[in-house]
Amino acid sequence: MPGFSPLLPLSFDNKDGFSLTQNYYDVARQNLKNLMLTNPGEKVMSPNFGIGIRTYIFEQNHETTYSRIKDRIKSQVKKYLPYLTIRDVEFAPDPGPDGGLLNIKVSYYINVLNFNDELQILVSI
């Protein structure tokens, strides 16, 4: 069965050549993850594309930073992934002694498929 797009990270598959996403749910999840991890300026033909979650590494681990990240996620999804609706964005700092990790959980709705899902990303801060 042909797929929709290359599955990232790229890996070889004996059936399709490169592994492919097999349904629209995986495509939507992969596109959201790509938007989250891309820094503005990395996508040459669309320099404003990307949330650039890693650019917040040296920001204060505080509610105001979380609010800025949440606003950026919502505005970027509205512009580049209009088939998704962001339901909620939750932040859970690492309770360990170093506190060097931040878990970001994005709950979203795929409008055309009438499907709720969530994406979790662990970011080193």
Foldseek 3Di string as FASTA:
>chain_A
DDADAADPPWDQDPVHGTDHHHDPVSVLQVVLVCQACDDQCPPPVGNRGHLNVQVCQPPDPDPVSVVVSVVSSQVNCVVPVVQKHWDDWDWDFDPDPVSQKIKIKTWMARNVVRDIDIDIDIYGD
